[in-house]
Amino acid sequence: MALKKIDKLAAYGVYQMDMDAQTFDDKLRKMMRLPDSAESVEKAIRHARKLGLCVCVGLRYNLPRQTMESWISTLKKAIELDVEIDAYSLHVDPGTLLEKMIKTGVSPPPGDGEYEKQMYLAAYNLLTDAGYKAVGHDRFSRVE
């Protein structure tokens, strides 16, 4: 997101901004064909926070090729950035580019249900230990 756009949102009195970062792992961002780098997403978040905006970051887990270490690293980055967090398990919709990549072997499929559960539990434990509260099945917040 362009920093000038964030400036305008703040100038208009916007209080909260949601950003669907998905991951702070550049290898996964490239594989998922996300248009910007983790560094640029981080820069936009820091800019928005500096302007006083509450930022909620959407993160995905159980992505193809995503390791537990990558997931934990992404969560730690979100904690460092002091953002609200929506943590969603990847759902592969029919007809999407990702489904085609998986079917043709360009990308491996996401992990199984057990791996997905372990990733959620890792997020829950890490975030609650960092002072976040689960305020829904996928939202974690430090805002009272």
N, C-alpha and C. Protein backbone atom coordinates (compact mmCIF):
# COMPACT_ATOMS: atom_id res chain seq x y z
N MET A 1 0.85 -1.18 0.00
CA MET A 1 0.00 0.00 0.00
C MET A 1 0.89 1.24 0.00
N ALA A 2 0.56 2.17 -0.83
CA ALA A 2 1.34 3.39 -0.93
C ALA A 2 1.20 4.20 0.36
N LEU A 3 2.32 4.74 0.81
CA LEU A 3 2.32 5.51 2.05
C LEU A 3 1.44 6.75 1.94
N LYS A 4 1.37 7.34 0.75
CA LYS A 4 0.52 8.52 0.55
C LYS A 4 -0.96 8.18 0.78
N LYS A 5 -1.34 6.98 0.41
CA LYS A 5 -2.73 6.55 0.64
C LYS A 5 -3.00 6.43 2.14
N ILE A 6 -2.04 5.92 2.89
CA ILE A 6 -2.17 5.82 4.34
C ILE A 6 -2.26 7.23 4.94
N ASP A 7 -1.44 8.15 4.43
CA ASP A 7 -1.50 9.54 4.89
C ASP A 7 -2.91 10.11 4.71
N LYS A 8 -3.51 9.85 3.56
CA LYS A 8 -4.85 10.37 3.29
C LYS A 8 -5.88 9.75 4.23
N LEU A 9 -5.76 8.45 4.45
CA LEU A 9 -6.69 7.79 5.37
C LEU A 9 -6.62 8.43 6.75
N ALA A 10 -5.40 8.65 7.24
CA ALA A 10 -5.22 9.28 8.56
C ALA A 10 -5.78 10.70 8.56
N ALA A 11 -5.54 11.44 7.48
CA ALA A 11 -6.03 12.81 7.39
C ALA A 11 -7.56 12.87 7.39
N TYR A 12 -8.21 11.84 6.84
CA TYR A 12 -9.67 11.77 6.82
C TYR A 12 -10.25 11.29 8.15
N GLY A 13 -9.37 10.98 9.11
CA GLY A 13 -9.85 10.55 10.42
C GLY A 13 -10.12 9.07 10.55
N VAL A 14 -9.61 8.28 9.62
CA VAL A 14 -9.78 6.83 9.72
C VAL A 14 -9.04 6.35 10.96
N TYR A 15 -9.70 5.47 11.72
CA TYR A 15 -9.11 4.97 12.96
C TYR A 15 -8.41 3.63 12.78
N GLN A 16 -9.00 2.76 11.99
CA GLN A 16 -8.46 1.41 11.85
C GLN A 16 -8.26 1.07 10.38
N MET A 17 -7.19 0.32 10.13
CA MET A 17 -6.88 -0.11 8.77
C MET A 17 -6.58 -1.60 8.80
N ASP A 18 -7.20 -2.36 7.92
CA ASP A 18 -6.92 -3.79 7.79
C ASP A 18 -6.00 -4.01 6.61
N MET A 19 -4.98 -4.82 6.83
CA MET A 19 -4.04 -5.17 5.76
C MET A 19 -3.93 -6.69 5.69
N ASP A 20 -4.14 -7.23 4.53
CA ASP A 20 -4.05 -8.68 4.35
C ASP A 20 -2.62 -9.05 3.98
N ALA A 21 -1.73 -9.02 4.96
CA ALA A 21 -0.31 -9.29 4.71
C ALA A 21 -0.08 -10.74 4.30
N GLN A 22 -0.82 -11.66 4.84
CA GLN A 22 -0.75 -13.10 4.64
C GLN A 22 0.48 -13.74 5.28
N THR A 23 1.67 -13.22 5.01
CA THR A 23 2.90 -13.77 5.58
C THR A 23 4.00 -12.73 5.48
N PHE A 24 4.98 -12.83 6.36
CA PHE A 24 6.17 -11.97 6.28
C PHE A 24 7.35 -12.77 5.73
N ASP A 25 7.09 -13.91 5.15
CA ASP A 25 8.12 -14.76 4.54
C ASP A 25 8.14 -14.46 3.03
N ASP A 26 9.22 -13.83 2.57
CA ASP A 26 9.27 -13.43 1.16
C ASP A 26 9.24 -14.61 0.19
N LYS A 27 9.78 -15.75 0.57
CA LYS A 27 9.70 -16.92 -0.32
C LYS A 27 8.25 -17.35 -0.51
N LEU A 28 7.50 -17.35 0.57
CA LEU A 28 6.08 -17.70 0.46
C LEU A 28 5.30 -16.61 -0.28
N ARG A 29 5.65 -15.35 -0.04
CA ARG A 29 4.97 -14.25 -0.74
C ARG A 29 5.16 -14.39 -2.25
N LYS A 30 6.37 -14.75 -2.65
CA LYS A 30 6.65 -14.92 -4.07
C LYS A 30 5.86 -16.11 -4.63
N MET A 31 5.87 -17.22 -3.90
CA MET A 31 5.14 -18.42 -4.34
C MET A 31 3.64 -18.14 -4.45
N MET A 32 3.11 -17.32 -3.52
CA MET A 32 1.69 -16.98 -3.54
C MET A 32 1.38 -15.83 -4.51
N ARG A 33 2.44 -15.35 -5.16
CA ARG A 33 2.32 -14.27 -6.16
C ARG A 33 1.76 -12.98 -5.57
N LEU A 34 2.19 -12.69 -4.35
CA LEU A 34 1.81 -11.42 -3.73
C LEU A 34 2.70 -10.33 -4.31
N PRO A 35 2.15 -9.15 -4.57
CA PRO A 35 2.87 -8.15 -5.36
C PRO A 35 3.99 -7.39 -4.66
N ASP A 36 4.02 -7.44 -3.34
CA ASP A 36 5.03 -6.64 -2.64
C ASP A 36 5.84 -7.49 -1.68
N SER A 37 6.92 -6.92 -1.20
CA SER A 37 7.81 -7.65 -0.30
C SER A 37 7.32 -7.51 1.14
N ALA A 38 7.81 -8.41 1.99
CA ALA A 38 7.50 -8.32 3.41
C ALA A 38 7.99 -6.99 3.98
N GLU A 39 9.13 -6.54 3.49
CA GLU A 39 9.68 -5.27 3.96
C GLU A 39 8.76 -4.10 3.64
N SER A 40 8.16 -4.10 2.45
CA SER A 40 7.27 -3.00 2.09
C SER A 40 5.98 -3.05 2.91
N VAL A 41 5.50 -4.25 3.21
CA VAL A 41 4.31 -4.38 4.05
C VAL A 41 4.64 -3.87 5.46
N GLU A 42 5.79 -4.27 5.97
CA GLU A 42 6.21 -3.82 7.30
C GLU A 42 6.34 -2.29 7.33
N LYS A 43 6.90 -1.71 6.29
CA LYS A 43 7.06 -0.26 6.22
C LYS A 43 5.70 0.43 6.26
N ALA A 44 4.74 -0.09 5.52
CA ALA A 44 3.39 0.49 5.50
C ALA A 44 2.74 0.38 6.88
N ILE A 45 2.91 -0.75 7.54
CA ILE A 45 2.33 -0.93 8.88
C ILE A 45 2.96 0.05 9.86
N ARG A 46 4.28 0.14 9.84
CA ARG A 46 4.97 1.06 10.75
C ARG A 46 4.52 2.50 10.50
N HIS A 47 4.35 2.86 9.24
CA HIS A 47 3.90 4.21 8.89
C HIS A 47 2.49 4.47 9.44
N ALA A 48 1.60 3.51 9.25
CA ALA A 48 0.22 3.66 9.74
C ALA A 48 0.21 3.76 11.27
N ARG A 49 1.00 2.95 11.94
CA ARG A 49 1.06 2.98 13.41
C ARG A 49 1.60 4.33 13.89
N LYS A 50 2.61 4.84 13.18
CA LYS A 50 3.20 6.14 13.52
C LYS A 50 2.16 7.25 13.43
N LEU A 51 1.22 7.11 12.50
CA LEU A 51 0.15 8.10 12.32
C LEU A 51 -1.01 7.88 13.29
N GLY A 52 -0.91 6.86 14.13
CA GLY A 52 -1.93 6.61 15.15
C GLY A 52 -3.03 5.67 14.74
N LEU A 53 -2.92 5.03 13.58
CA LEU A 53 -3.95 4.10 13.15
C LEU A 53 -3.79 2.76 13.86
N CYS A 54 -4.91 2.17 14.20
CA CYS A 54 -4.92 0.79 14.69
C CYS A 54 -4.88 -0.08 13.43
N VAL A 55 -3.94 -0.99 13.38
CA VAL A 55 -3.77 -1.82 12.19
C VAL A 55 -4.10 -3.27 12.54
N CYS A 56 -4.93 -3.88 11.73
CA CYS A 56 -5.21 -5.30 11.86
C CYS A 56 -4.61 -6.00 10.64
N VAL A 57 -3.80 -7.00 10.91
CA VAL A 57 -3.10 -7.71 9.83
C VAL A 57 -3.70 -9.11 9.68
N GLY A 58 -4.11 -9.42 8.45
CA GLY A 58 -4.58 -10.77 8.14
C GLY A 58 -3.39 -11.65 7.80
N LEU A 59 -3.26 -12.74 8.52
CA LEU A 59 -2.18 -13.70 8.29
C LEU A 59 -2.77 -15.05 7.93
N ARG A 60 -2.09 -15.78 7.05
CA ARG A 60 -2.53 -17.12 6.63
C ARG A 60 -1.56 -18.17 7.15
N TYR A 61 -2.13 -19.27 7.58
CA TYR A 61 -1.30 -20.41 7.94
C TYR A 61 -1.74 -21.64 7.16
N ASN A 62 -0.87 -22.62 7.15
CA ASN A 62 -1.05 -23.84 6.36
C ASN A 62 -0.97 -23.56 4.87
N LEU A 63 -0.11 -22.60 4.52
CA LEU A 63 0.18 -22.33 3.11
C LEU A 63 1.07 -23.44 2.56
N PRO A 64 1.00 -23.71 1.28
CA PRO A 64 1.94 -24.68 0.70
C PRO A 64 3.39 -24.25 0.98
N ARG A 65 4.21 -25.16 1.38
CA ARG A 65 5.63 -24.95 1.71
C ARG A 65 5.86 -24.14 2.98
N GLN A 66 4.82 -23.79 3.70
CA GLN A 66 5.00 -23.03 4.93
C GLN A 66 5.41 -23.97 6.06
N THR A 67 6.52 -23.67 6.68
CA THR A 67 6.97 -24.47 7.82
C THR A 67 6.45 -23.84 9.11
N MET A 68 6.52 -24.61 10.18
CA MET A 68 6.14 -24.08 11.48
C MET A 68 7.06 -22.91 11.85
N GLU A 69 8.32 -23.02 11.51
CA GLU A 69 9.28 -21.96 11.82
C GLU A 69 8.91 -20.67 11.08
N SER A 70 8.52 -20.79 9.83
CA SER A 70 8.11 -19.62 9.05
C SER A 70 6.86 -18.97 9.67
N TRP A 71 5.90 -19.80 10.07
CA TRP A 71 4.67 -19.31 10.67
C TRP A 71 4.97 -18.57 11.98
N ILE A 72 5.80 -19.15 12.81
CA ILE A 72 6.15 -18.53 14.08
C ILE A 72 6.90 -17.21 13.85
N SER A 73 7.78 -17.19 12.87
CA SER A 73 8.50 -15.97 12.53
C SER A 73 7.53 -14.87 12.08
N THR A 74 6.55 -15.22 11.29
CA THR A 74 5.53 -14.27 10.85
C THR A 74 4.75 -13.74 12.05
N LEU A 75 4.37 -14.62 12.95
CA LEU A 75 3.63 -14.19 14.14
C LEU A 75 4.48 -13.26 15.00
N LYS A 76 5.75 -13.59 15.17
CA LYS A 76 6.63 -12.73 15.97
C LYS A 76 6.79 -11.35 15.34
N LYS A 77 6.85 -11.30 14.03
CA LYS A 77 6.93 -10.00 13.35
C LYS A 77 5.66 -9.20 13.60
N ALA A 78 4.51 -9.84 13.54
CA ALA A 78 3.24 -9.15 13.80
C ALA A 78 3.19 -8.63 15.24
N ILE A 79 3.66 -9.43 16.18
CA ILE A 79 3.71 -9.00 17.58
C ILE A 79 4.63 -7.79 17.72
N GLU A 80 5.79 -7.86 17.09
CA GLU A 80 6.75 -6.74 17.11
C GLU A 80 6.12 -5.46 16.56
N LEU A 81 5.30 -5.59 15.54
CA LEU A 81 4.66 -4.43 14.90
C LEU A 81 3.46 -3.91 15.69
N ASP A 82 3.07 -4.62 16.75
CA ASP A 82 1.99 -4.22 17.64
C ASP A 82 0.68 -4.00 16.89
N VAL A 83 0.28 -5.03 16.17
CA VAL A 83 -0.95 -4.98 15.38
C VAL A 83 -1.98 -5.97 15.91
N GLU A 84 -3.22 -5.74 15.56
CA GLU A 84 -4.25 -6.74 15.77
C GLU A 84 -4.03 -7.83 14.73
N ILE A 85 -4.45 -9.04 15.01
CA ILE A 85 -4.14 -10.14 14.10
C ILE A 85 -5.38 -10.97 13.82
N ASP A 86 -5.63 -11.18 12.53
CA ASP A 86 -6.59 -12.18 12.07
C ASP A 86 -5.77 -13.32 11.51
N ALA A 87 -5.90 -14.50 12.10
CA ALA A 87 -5.13 -15.67 11.67
C ALA A 87 -6.08 -16.67 11.02
N TYR A 88 -5.93 -16.84 9.72
CA TYR A 88 -6.82 -17.70 8.95
C TYR A 88 -6.05 -18.88 8.36
N SER A 89 -6.69 -20.02 8.39
CA SER A 89 -6.15 -21.17 7.67
C SER A 89 -6.44 -20.99 6.19
N LEU A 90 -5.49 -21.39 5.38
CA LEU A 90 -5.67 -21.29 3.94
C LEU A 90 -6.81 -22.19 3.48
N HIS A 91 -7.65 -21.62 2.64
CA HIS A 91 -8.69 -22.40 1.97
C HIS A 91 -8.45 -22.25 0.47
N VAL A 92 -8.30 -23.35 -0.21
CA VAL A 92 -8.06 -23.31 -1.66
C VAL A 92 -9.41 -23.39 -2.38
N ASP A 93 -9.79 -22.30 -2.99
CA ASP A 93 -11.07 -22.25 -3.70
C ASP A 93 -10.95 -22.86 -5.08
N PRO A 94 -12.01 -23.54 -5.53
CA PRO A 94 -12.01 -24.12 -6.88
C PRO A 94 -11.87 -23.03 -7.94
N GLY A 95 -11.09 -23.33 -8.96
CA GLY A 95 -10.93 -22.43 -10.08
C GLY A 95 -9.89 -21.34 -9.89
N THR A 96 -9.26 -21.29 -8.72
CA THR A 96 -8.25 -20.26 -8.47
C THR A 96 -6.91 -20.68 -9.05
N LEU A 97 -6.04 -19.71 -9.20
CA LEU A 97 -4.69 -19.99 -9.68
C LEU A 97 -3.99 -20.98 -8.75
N LEU A 98 -4.17 -20.82 -7.45
CA LEU A 98 -3.51 -21.74 -6.51
C LEU A 98 -4.00 -23.17 -6.71
N GLU A 99 -5.29 -23.34 -6.91
CA GLU A 99 -5.80 -24.69 -7.15
C GLU A 99 -5.15 -25.28 -8.41
N LYS A 100 -5.02 -24.49 -9.45
CA LYS A 100 -4.39 -24.96 -10.68
C LYS A 100 -2.92 -25.29 -10.45
N MET A 101 -2.22 -24.47 -9.66
CA MET A 101 -0.81 -24.73 -9.36
C MET A 101 -0.65 -26.04 -8.60
N ILE A 102 -1.56 -26.32 -7.68
CA ILE A 102 -1.51 -27.56 -6.91
C ILE A 102 -1.82 -28.75 -7.81
N LYS A 103 -2.86 -28.63 -8.63
CA LYS A 103 -3.26 -29.74 -9.52
C LYS A 103 -2.18 -30.09 -10.54
N THR A 104 -1.42 -29.09 -10.98
CA THR A 104 -0.39 -29.34 -11.99
C THR A 104 0.98 -29.64 -11.38
N GLY A 105 1.05 -29.64 -10.06
CA GLY A 105 2.31 -29.96 -9.39
C GLY A 105 3.29 -28.81 -9.27
N VAL A 106 2.87 -27.61 -9.67
CA VAL A 106 3.73 -26.43 -9.54
C VAL A 106 3.90 -26.09 -8.06
N SER A 107 2.86 -26.34 -7.28
CA SER A 107 2.88 -26.08 -5.84
C SER A 107 2.41 -27.32 -5.11
N PRO A 108 3.01 -27.61 -3.96
CA PRO A 108 2.46 -28.70 -3.16
C PRO A 108 1.15 -28.26 -2.52
N PRO A 109 0.35 -29.22 -2.09
CA PRO A 109 -0.89 -28.84 -1.40
C PRO A 109 -0.58 -28.34 0.01
N PRO A 110 -1.56 -27.67 0.64
CA PRO A 110 -1.37 -27.29 2.04
C PRO A 110 -1.23 -28.55 2.90
N GLY A 111 -0.82 -28.34 4.14
CA GLY A 111 -0.70 -29.47 5.07
C GLY A 111 -2.06 -30.07 5.40
N ASP A 112 -2.03 -31.19 6.08
CA ASP A 112 -3.28 -31.86 6.45
C ASP A 112 -3.92 -31.19 7.67
N GLY A 113 -5.06 -31.70 8.08
CA GLY A 113 -5.82 -31.12 9.18
C GLY A 113 -5.04 -31.08 10.49
N GLU A 114 -4.24 -32.10 10.74
CA GLU A 114 -3.45 -32.13 11.97
C GLU A 114 -2.39 -31.02 11.97
N TYR A 115 -1.73 -30.84 10.84
CA TYR A 115 -0.71 -29.79 10.74
C TYR A 115 -1.37 -28.42 10.90
N GLU A 116 -2.52 -28.25 10.28
CA GLU A 116 -3.28 -27.00 10.40
C GLU A 116 -3.62 -26.72 11.86
N LYS A 117 -4.07 -27.74 12.57
CA LYS A 117 -4.41 -27.58 13.99
C LYS A 117 -3.18 -27.19 14.80
N GLN A 118 -2.05 -27.82 14.53
CA GLN A 118 -0.82 -27.48 15.25
C GLN A 118 -0.40 -26.03 14.99
N MET A 119 -0.59 -25.57 13.77
CA MET A 119 -0.25 -24.19 13.44
C MET A 119 -1.17 -23.22 14.18
N TYR A 120 -2.45 -23.53 14.26
CA TYR A 120 -3.38 -22.68 15.00
C TYR A 120 -3.00 -22.64 16.48
N LEU A 121 -2.72 -23.81 17.05
CA LEU A 121 -2.36 -23.86 18.47
C LEU A 121 -1.07 -23.11 18.74
N ALA A 122 -0.12 -23.18 17.83
CA ALA A 122 1.12 -22.42 17.98
C ALA A 122 0.81 -20.92 18.01
N ALA A 123 -0.08 -20.48 17.12
CA ALA A 123 -0.47 -19.07 17.09
C ALA A 123 -1.18 -18.69 18.39
N TYR A 124 -2.12 -19.50 18.80
CA TYR A 124 -2.87 -19.21 20.02
C TYR A 124 -1.93 -19.07 21.21
N ASN A 125 -1.04 -20.02 21.38
CA ASN A 125 -0.12 -20.00 22.52
C ASN A 125 0.84 -18.81 22.45
N LEU A 126 1.43 -18.58 21.30
CA LEU A 126 2.38 -17.48 21.15
C LEU A 126 1.70 -16.13 21.38
N LEU A 127 0.54 -15.95 20.80
CA LEU A 127 -0.16 -14.67 20.91
C LEU A 127 -0.70 -14.42 22.31
N THR A 128 -1.28 -15.42 22.94
CA THR A 128 -1.78 -15.21 24.30
C THR A 128 -0.62 -14.99 25.27
N ASP A 129 0.49 -15.65 25.06
CA ASP A 129 1.68 -15.41 25.89
C ASP A 129 2.20 -13.98 25.71
N ALA A 130 1.94 -13.38 24.55
CA ALA A 130 2.39 -12.01 24.26
C ALA A 130 1.34 -10.96 24.67
N GLY A 131 0.29 -11.39 25.35
CA GLY A 131 -0.70 -10.44 25.85
C GLY A 131 -1.91 -10.25 24.97
N TYR A 132 -2.02 -11.01 23.91
CA TYR A 132 -3.21 -10.93 23.06
C TYR A 132 -4.33 -11.77 23.66
N LYS A 133 -5.55 -11.38 23.35
CA LYS A 133 -6.72 -12.16 23.74
C LYS A 133 -7.41 -12.63 22.48
N ALA A 134 -7.88 -13.87 22.51
CA ALA A 134 -8.68 -14.38 21.40
C ALA A 134 -10.06 -13.74 21.53
N VAL A 135 -10.44 -12.95 20.54
CA VAL A 135 -11.74 -12.26 20.58
C VAL A 135 -12.68 -12.80 19.51
N GLY A 136 -12.34 -13.92 18.97
CA GLY A 136 -13.11 -14.63 17.96
C GLY A 136 -12.34 -15.88 17.61
N HIS A 137 -12.84 -16.66 16.70
CA HIS A 137 -12.11 -17.90 16.37
C HIS A 137 -10.83 -17.62 15.60
N ASP A 138 -10.68 -16.42 15.04
CA ASP A 138 -9.47 -16.14 14.27
C ASP A 138 -8.87 -14.77 14.58
N ARG A 139 -9.48 -13.98 15.43
CA ARG A 139 -9.00 -12.63 15.74
C ARG A 139 -8.34 -12.61 17.11
N PHE A 140 -7.18 -11.95 17.14
CA PHE A 140 -6.43 -11.78 18.39
C PHE A 140 -6.16 -10.29 18.56
N SER A 141 -6.40 -9.79 19.78
CA SER A 141 -6.33 -8.37 20.02
C SER A 141 -5.67 -8.06 21.36
N ARG A 142 -4.98 -6.92 21.39
CA ARG A 142 -4.48 -6.37 22.66
C ARG A 142 -5.29 -5.13 23.04
N VAL A 143 -6.18 -4.70 22.17
CA VAL A 143 -6.99 -3.51 22.43
C VAL A 143 -8.10 -3.85 23.41
N GLU A 144 -8.22 -3.04 24.42
CA GLU A 144 -9.28 -3.25 25.44
C GLU A 144 -10.56 -2.62 24.99
